[in-house]
């Protein structure tokens, strides 16, 4: 059976693969949510540079703690 492409995975499957520290899926998770997360960051930041920094730090925390995600 052919392995699904990262963009074909459900959110649950994508997170499960990220927990396994598979970089290609971490990149896909980032691509899937970065745009929307950046919009939220802009609400908290004074400028786009700060929003970008907040986004980067947020994803670092996400990937560091993704193993704790409970799908609730």
C-alpha atoms as a PDB file:
ATOM      1  CA  UNK A   1       0.000   0.000   0.000  1.00  0.00           C
ATOM      2  CA  UNK A   2       1.237   3.464  -0.891  1.00  0.00           C
ATOM      3  CA  UNK A   3       2.179   5.749   1.992  1.00  0.00           C
ATOM      4  CA  UNK A   4      -0.050   8.885   1.998  1.00  0.00           C
ATOM      5  CA  UNK A   5       1.501  12.230   1.162  1.00  0.00           C
ATOM      6  CA  UNK A   6       1.728  14.611   4.151  1.00  0.00           C
ATOM      7  CA  UNK A   7      -0.971  16.903   2.751  1.00  0.00           C
ATOM      8  CA  UNK A   8      -3.385  13.947   2.530  1.00  0.00           C
ATOM      9  CA  UNK A   9      -3.206  13.145   6.244  1.00  0.00           C
ATOM     10  CA  UNK A  10      -5.826  14.049   8.811  1.00  0.00           C
ATOM     11  CA  UNK A  11      -4.788  16.323  11.656  1.00  0.00           C
ATOM     12  CA  UNK A  12      -4.663  13.322  13.994  1.00  0.00           C
ATOM     13  CA  UNK A  13      -2.397  11.348  11.649  1.00  0.00           C
ATOM     14  CA  UNK A  14      -0.185  14.365  11.146  1.00  0.00           C
ATOM     15  CA  UNK A  15       0.228  14.925  14.887  1.00  0.00           C
ATOM     16  CA  UNK A  16       0.916  11.240  15.471  1.00  0.00           C
ATOM     17  CA  UNK A  17       3.744  11.369  12.933  1.00  0.00           C
ATOM     18  CA  UNK A  18       5.079  14.562  14.489  1.00  0.00           C
ATOM     19  CA  UNK A  19       5.210  12.776  17.834  1.00  0.00           C
ATOM     20  CA  UNK A  20       7.457  10.231  16.106  1.00  0.00           C
ATOM     21  CA  UNK A  21       9.762  13.174  15.258  1.00  0.00           C
ATOM     22  CA  UNK A  22       9.308  12.817  11.506  1.00  0.00           C
ATOM     23  CA  UNK A  23      10.485  16.172  10.141  1.00  0.00           C
ATOM     24  CA  UNK A  24       8.521  16.074   6.884  1.00  0.00           C
ATOM     25  CA  UNK A  25       5.295  15.917   8.882  1.00  0.00           C
ATOM     26  CA  UNK A  26       6.409  18.668  11.229  1.00  0.00           C
ATOM     27  CA  UNK A  27       6.949  20.854   8.178  1.00  0.00           C
ATOM     28  CA  UNK A  28       3.491  19.951   6.895  1.00  0.00           C
ATOM     29  CA  UNK A  29       1.896  20.781  10.241  1.00  0.00           C
ATOM     30  CA  UNK A  30       3.673  24.129  10.125  1.00  0.00           C
ATOM     31  CA  UNK A  31       2.483  24.799   6.568  1.00  0.00           C
ATOM     32  CA  UNK A  32      -1.063  23.819   7.461  1.00  0.00           C
ATOM     33  CA  UNK A  33      -1.361  26.182  10.447  1.00  0.00           C
ATOM     34  CA  UNK A  34       1.289  28.912  10.176  1.00  0.00           C
ATOM     35  CA  UNK A  35      -0.839  31.356   8.200  1.00  0.00           C
ATOM     36  CA  UNK A  36      -3.723  31.271  10.680  1.00  0.00           C
ATOM     37  CA  UNK A  37      -1.400  31.316  13.681  1.00  0.00           C
ATOM     38  CA  UNK A  38       0.447  34.293  12.215  1.00  0.00           C
ATOM     39  CA  UNK A  39      -2.829  36.222  12.055  1.00  0.00           C
ATOM     40  CA  UNK A  40      -3.328  35.575  15.763  1.00  0.00           C
ATOM     41  CA  UNK A  41       0.257  36.624  16.489  1.00  0.00           C
ATOM     42  CA  UNK A  42      -0.361  39.917  14.693  1.00  0.00           C
ATOM     43  CA  UNK A  43      -3.142  40.656  17.180  1.00  0.00           C
ATOM     44  CA  UNK A  44      -0.637  40.449  20.050  1.00  0.00           C
ATOM     45  CA  UNK A  45       2.419  41.997  18.402  1.00  0.00           C
ATOM     46  CA  UNK A  46       3.275  45.626  17.759  1.00  0.00           C
ATOM     47  CA  UNK A  47       4.771  44.870  14.341  1.00  0.00           C
ATOM     48  CA  UNK A  48       5.306  42.081  11.811  1.00  0.00           C
ATOM     49  CA  UNK A  49       8.815  41.257  13.038  1.00  0.00           C
ATOM     50  CA  UNK A  50       7.508  40.648  16.546  1.00  0.00           C
ATOM     51  CA  UNK A  51       4.611  38.602  15.141  1.00  0.00           C
ATOM     52  CA  UNK A  52       7.083  36.423  13.246  1.00  0.00           C
ATOM     53  CA  UNK A  53       9.123  35.902  16.409  1.00  0.00           C
ATOM     54  CA  UNK A  54       6.000  34.948  18.348  1.00  0.00           C
ATOM     55  CA  UNK A  55       5.041  32.496  15.601  1.00  0.00           C
ATOM     56  CA  UNK A  56       8.468  30.886  15.627  1.00  0.00           C
ATOM     57  CA  UNK A  57       8.519  30.554  19.403  1.00  0.00           C
ATOM     58  CA  UNK A  58       5.002  29.135  19.329  1.00  0.00           C
ATOM     59  CA  UNK A  59       5.931  26.376  16.914  1.00  0.00           C
ATOM     60  CA  UNK A  60       9.043  25.557  18.924  1.00  0.00           C
ATOM     61  CA  UNK A  61       6.772  25.026  21.941  1.00  0.00           C
ATOM     62  CA  UNK A  62       4.290  23.027  19.878  1.00  0.00           C
ATOM     63  CA  UNK A  63       6.927  20.611  18.626  1.00  0.00           C
ATOM     64  CA  UNK A  64       8.639  20.357  21.999  1.00  0.00           C
ATOM     65  CA  UNK A  65       5.364  19.405  23.699  1.00  0.00           C
ATOM     66  CA  UNK A  66       3.398  17.710  20.926  1.00  0.00           C
ATOM     67  CA  UNK A  67       3.702  14.340  22.629  1.00  0.00           C
ATOM     68  CA  UNK A  68       1.334  15.696  25.322  1.00  0.00           C
ATOM     69  CA  UNK A  69      -1.431  16.583  22.838  1.00  0.00           C
ATOM     70  CA  UNK A  70      -4.626  14.691  23.697  1.00  0.00           C
ATOM     71  CA  UNK A  71      -6.918  15.412  20.702  1.00  0.00           C
ATOM     72  CA  UNK A  72      -9.657  16.769  22.980  1.00  0.00           C
END
